[in-house]
Amino acid sequence: MQQPKNSKGPIRKAQPIGLIGAGGHSKVIQDLIFSHPDYSLCTVLDDQFAQAVTQSGILYAPISMSQMLREEMPHTKWLIAIGQNEMRQMIKERLSFKDTAFATLIHPDAVISPSSKIGRGTVVMTKAVVQADAVIGEHAIINTGSIVEHDCLLGAFVHLSPGAVLTGCVSAREGAHIGAGAVVTPGTSIGSWSIIGAGAAVTRDIHDQKVAVGVPAIEIKDRREGGK
């Protein structure tokens, strides 16, 4: 359907966005939404809210209302605004939303190659760079100033912290978390649900469910030994 036009060109209607989560990560995403003319924040869901309340045109409500709101606001797109990877995955499964219900949010100051692919539910923050033929899975976080170089492959629920750098052809599997300022050298693989410490330099493959720190990074812990 065509948008109505005036003498200044077509009128673009902002996409209403609903967020799940009201913590620090959510605050940053809310700023992203407010800075983007194509997005409009309509609701924030979090279990810290005992009941629904509207402030400044935004509905704040518990997550238990998500299905009802999804039905009442079918044109709203949703994003899980929680930084912790396992929690983001758990909430995604709890919601039982169709994949098409989720938004992909990209800050207007991010640099995105037209040949890259970014999955639903993923957010790309300010000053981040995603280069040619990079593929980023669903519900990932590409945080402030982080870099995903050419031909990188990131799985679902991956989190790049601020300033993290993935050089060319890096693979980061599902749920991997790359700490602030860490650098991963070309062709290196980061295992699923592994954690790379802040400032680390990863020069060799990291196995699944490991914690790796240092320069060069070494595996110091298996996350499965203590549970998630």
Protein backbone atom coordinates (compact mmCIF):
# COMPACT_ATOMS: atom_id res chain seq x y z
CA MET A 1 0.00 0.00 0.00
CA GLN A 2 1.39 3.39 -0.97
CA GLN A 3 1.94 6.02 1.66
CA PRO A 4 0.10 9.35 1.22
CA LYS A 5 2.27 12.03 -0.29
CA ASN A 6 2.62 15.75 0.04
CA SER A 7 4.77 18.34 -1.66
CA LYS A 8 7.76 17.29 0.43
CA GLY A 9 7.62 13.64 -0.62
CA PRO A 10 6.20 10.44 0.93
CA ILE A 11 5.23 10.33 4.59
CA ARG A 12 6.97 7.49 6.41
CA LYS A 13 5.17 5.94 9.34
CA ALA A 14 7.44 4.85 12.20
CA GLN A 15 7.47 1.16 13.06
CA PRO A 16 6.10 0.62 16.61
CA ILE A 17 8.60 -1.31 18.74
CA GLY A 18 7.99 -3.29 21.93
CA LEU A 19 10.89 -4.20 24.22
CA ILE A 20 11.13 -7.12 26.62
CA GLY A 21 13.45 -6.08 29.44
CA ALA A 22 13.87 -2.79 31.29
CA GLY A 23 17.46 -2.95 32.56
CA GLY A 24 20.61 -1.15 31.44
CA HIS A 25 20.77 -2.79 28.01
CA SER A 26 17.15 -1.81 27.43
CA LYS A 27 17.97 1.83 28.22
CA VAL A 28 20.57 1.88 25.45
CA ILE A 29 18.14 0.31 22.98
CA GLN A 30 15.49 2.84 23.96
CA ASP A 31 17.95 5.63 23.11
CA LEU A 32 18.54 3.91 19.74
CA ILE A 33 14.79 3.89 19.06
CA PHE A 34 14.39 7.54 20.06
CA SER A 35 17.24 8.52 17.71
CA HIS A 36 15.80 6.71 14.68
CA PRO A 37 12.95 8.32 12.70
CA ASP A 38 11.74 4.92 11.49
CA TYR A 39 11.16 3.50 15.01
CA SER A 40 8.66 4.40 17.73
CA LEU A 41 8.79 2.88 21.24
CA CYS A 42 5.29 1.82 22.29
CA THR A 43 5.77 -0.63 25.17
CA VAL A 44 8.34 -2.05 27.61
CA LEU A 45 7.67 -5.38 29.32
CA ASP A 46 9.49 -6.51 32.46
CA ASP A 47 8.52 -8.53 35.52
CA GLN A 48 9.52 -5.60 37.73
CA PHE A 49 6.20 -4.04 36.71
CA ALA A 50 3.38 -5.47 38.84
CA GLN A 51 0.69 -4.10 36.55
CA ALA A 52 0.26 -2.15 33.34
CA VAL A 53 0.82 1.60 33.48
CA THR A 54 1.21 4.19 30.72
CA GLN A 55 3.76 7.01 30.98
CA SER A 56 4.50 9.55 28.23
CA GLY A 57 2.60 7.38 25.76
CA ILE A 58 4.62 4.24 26.53
CA LEU A 59 3.00 1.18 28.12
CA TYR A 60 4.98 -0.51 30.91
CA ALA A 61 3.71 -3.97 31.86
CA PRO A 62 4.77 -7.43 33.12
CA ILE A 63 6.00 -10.02 30.63
CA SER A 64 2.94 -12.14 31.40
CA MET A 65 0.92 -9.69 29.28
CA SER A 66 3.09 -10.30 26.19
CA GLN A 67 0.75 -12.66 24.35
CA MET A 68 -2.29 -10.46 24.94
CA LEU A 69 -0.40 -7.38 23.74
CA ARG A 70 0.91 -9.27 20.74
CA GLU A 71 -2.70 -9.96 19.72
CA GLU A 72 -3.90 -6.44 20.48
CA MET A 73 -0.97 -4.76 18.70
CA PRO A 74 -0.33 -6.97 15.65
CA HIS A 75 1.73 -4.34 13.84
CA THR A 76 4.22 -3.97 16.70
CA LYS A 77 7.64 -5.57 16.26
CA TRP A 78 9.44 -6.87 19.34
CA LEU A 79 13.00 -7.08 20.58
CA ILE A 80 14.38 -8.85 23.66
CA ALA A 81 16.37 -6.06 25.33
CA ILE A 82 18.39 -8.23 27.73
CA GLY A 83 22.18 -8.40 27.54
CA GLN A 84 22.69 -11.83 29.11
CA ASN A 85 22.69 -14.43 26.33
CA GLU A 86 21.11 -17.38 28.16
CA MET A 87 18.38 -15.17 29.57
CA ARG A 88 17.65 -13.77 26.11
CA GLN A 89 17.30 -17.29 24.74
CA MET A 90 15.05 -18.34 27.64
CA ILE A 91 12.76 -15.34 27.17
CA LYS A 92 12.58 -16.03 23.43
CA GLU A 93 11.39 -19.59 24.11
CA ARG A 94 8.98 -18.39 26.80
CA LEU A 95 7.31 -15.85 24.50
CA SER A 96 6.40 -18.35 21.75
CA PHE A 97 6.24 -15.48 19.23
CA LYS A 98 6.62 -16.22 15.55
CA ASP A 99 10.02 -15.23 14.14
CA THR A 100 8.35 -12.54 12.03
CA ALA A 101 7.20 -10.78 15.22
CA PHE A 102 10.76 -9.65 16.01
CA ALA A 103 12.46 -6.46 14.81
CA THR A 104 16.00 -5.93 13.61
CA LEU A 105 17.19 -2.60 15.04
CA ILE A 106 20.15 -0.76 13.53
CA HIS A 107 21.42 2.54 14.90
CA PRO A 108 21.55 5.29 12.26
CA ASP A 109 25.26 5.80 13.05
CA ALA A 110 26.17 2.13 12.42
CA VAL A 111 27.94 1.18 9.18
CA ILE A 112 26.37 -1.85 7.52
CA SER A 113 27.58 -3.42 4.27
CA PRO A 114 24.73 -4.05 1.81
CA SER A 115 26.05 -7.58 1.27
CA SER A 116 25.84 -8.50 4.96
CA LYS A 117 22.90 -10.38 6.49
CA ILE A 118 21.46 -9.63 9.93
CA GLY A 119 18.89 -11.87 11.62
CA ARG A 120 15.61 -10.96 13.28
CA GLY A 121 15.74 -9.83 16.88
CA THR A 122 19.30 -8.54 16.49
CA VAL A 123 20.38 -5.04 17.49
CA VAL A 124 23.35 -3.12 16.04
CA MET A 125 24.43 -0.20 18.23
CA THR A 126 25.95 3.18 17.45
CA LYS A 127 29.36 3.28 15.68
CA ALA A 128 29.32 -0.48 15.09
CA VAL A 129 30.59 -1.75 11.73
CA VAL A 130 29.41 -4.85 9.85
CA GLN A 131 31.47 -5.50 6.75
CA ALA A 132 30.99 -7.33 3.45
CA ASP A 133 29.34 -10.77 3.44
CA ALA A 134 29.20 -11.01 7.22
CA VAL A 135 26.27 -13.09 8.48
CA ILE A 136 24.79 -12.41 11.91
CA GLY A 137 22.18 -14.73 13.42
CA GLU A 138 18.98 -13.99 15.29
CA HIS A 139 18.77 -12.19 18.65
CA ALA A 140 22.43 -11.15 18.60
CA ILE A 141 23.91 -7.97 20.06
CA ILE A 142 26.49 -5.97 18.10
CA ASN A 143 27.35 -3.43 20.74
CA THR A 144 28.73 0.10 20.66
CA GLY A 145 31.77 0.52 18.42
CA SER A 146 32.26 -3.20 17.80
CA ILE A 147 33.49 -4.44 14.41
CA VAL A 148 32.41 -7.50 12.45
CA GLU A 149 34.78 -7.77 9.50
CA HIS A 150 34.22 -9.42 6.13
CA ASP A 151 32.94 -13.01 5.89
CA CYS A 152 32.40 -13.44 9.63
CA LEU A 153 29.68 -15.86 10.73
CA LEU A 154 27.87 -15.21 14.02
CA GLY A 155 25.28 -17.59 15.44
CA ALA A 156 22.06 -16.80 17.28
CA PHE A 157 22.29 -15.07 20.68
CA VAL A 158 25.91 -13.98 20.19
CA HIS A 159 26.93 -10.81 22.08
CA LEU A 160 29.79 -8.54 21.04
CA SER A 161 30.57 -6.14 23.87
CA PRO A 162 31.60 -2.51 23.19
CA GLY A 163 34.78 -2.21 21.15
CA ALA A 164 35.14 -5.92 20.38
CA VAL A 165 36.75 -6.67 17.01
CA LEU A 166 36.19 -9.76 14.88
CA THR A 167 38.68 -9.68 12.03
CA GLY A 168 37.98 -11.42 8.72
CA CYS A 169 36.43 -14.90 8.47
CA VAL A 170 35.87 -15.33 12.22
CA SER A 171 33.16 -17.74 13.38
CA ALA A 172 31.35 -17.16 16.69
CA ARG A 173 28.86 -19.91 17.40
CA GLU A 174 25.52 -19.71 19.22
CA GLY A 175 25.54 -17.83 22.50
CA ALA A 176 29.22 -16.82 22.42
CA HIS A 177 30.03 -13.62 24.33
CA ILE A 178 33.05 -11.56 23.27
CA GLY A 179 34.16 -9.14 25.99
CA ALA A 180 34.78 -5.40 25.65
CA GLY A 181 37.85 -4.56 23.61
CA ALA A 182 38.67 -8.17 22.77
CA VAL A 183 40.21 -8.95 19.37
CA VAL A 184 39.71 -12.20 17.47
CA THR A 185 42.27 -12.87 14.73
CA PRO A 186 41.38 -13.98 11.17
CA GLY A 187 39.88 -17.41 10.61
CA THR A 188 39.48 -18.16 14.32
CA SER A 189 36.46 -20.01 15.72
CA ILE A 190 34.73 -19.20 19.03
CA GLY A 191 32.73 -22.12 20.42
CA SER A 192 29.07 -22.01 21.42
CA TRP A 193 28.19 -20.43 24.78
CA SER A 194 31.83 -19.57 25.40
CA ILE A 195 33.00 -16.32 27.00
CA ILE A 196 35.98 -14.27 25.88
CA GLY A 197 37.27 -11.90 28.56
CA ALA A 198 37.59 -8.17 28.10
CA GLY A 199 40.75 -7.12 26.30
CA ALA A 200 41.68 -10.66 25.26
CA ALA A 201 43.50 -11.45 22.02
CA VAL A 202 42.14 -14.68 20.57
CA THR A 203 44.72 -16.24 18.23
CA ARG A 204 43.47 -19.85 18.19
CA ASP A 205 40.13 -21.65 18.29
CA ILE A 206 38.17 -21.65 21.54
CA HIS A 207 36.08 -24.71 22.34
CA ASP A 208 32.39 -24.79 23.33
CA GLN A 209 31.40 -23.61 26.82
CA LYS A 210 34.86 -22.30 27.71
CA VAL A 211 36.00 -19.12 29.43
CA ALA A 212 39.12 -17.70 27.77
CA VAL A 213 41.16 -14.69 28.89
CA GLY A 214 44.53 -13.05 28.31
CA VAL A 215 46.94 -12.07 25.54
CA PRO A 216 47.07 -14.47 23.84
CA ALA A 217 43.80 -15.89 25.18
CA ILE A 218 43.86 -19.27 26.91
CA GLU A 219 40.97 -21.38 28.18
CA ILE A 220 40.82 -21.20 31.98
CA LYS A 221 37.44 -22.73 32.77
CA ASP A 222 34.71 -25.01 31.47
CA ARG A 223 31.34 -23.37 32.13
CA ARG A 224 29.62 -26.78 32.32
CA GLU A 225 31.52 -27.69 35.47
CA GLY A 226 29.56 -25.14 37.45
CA GLY A 227 26.36 -25.11 35.39
CA LYS A 228 25.09 -22.14 33.43
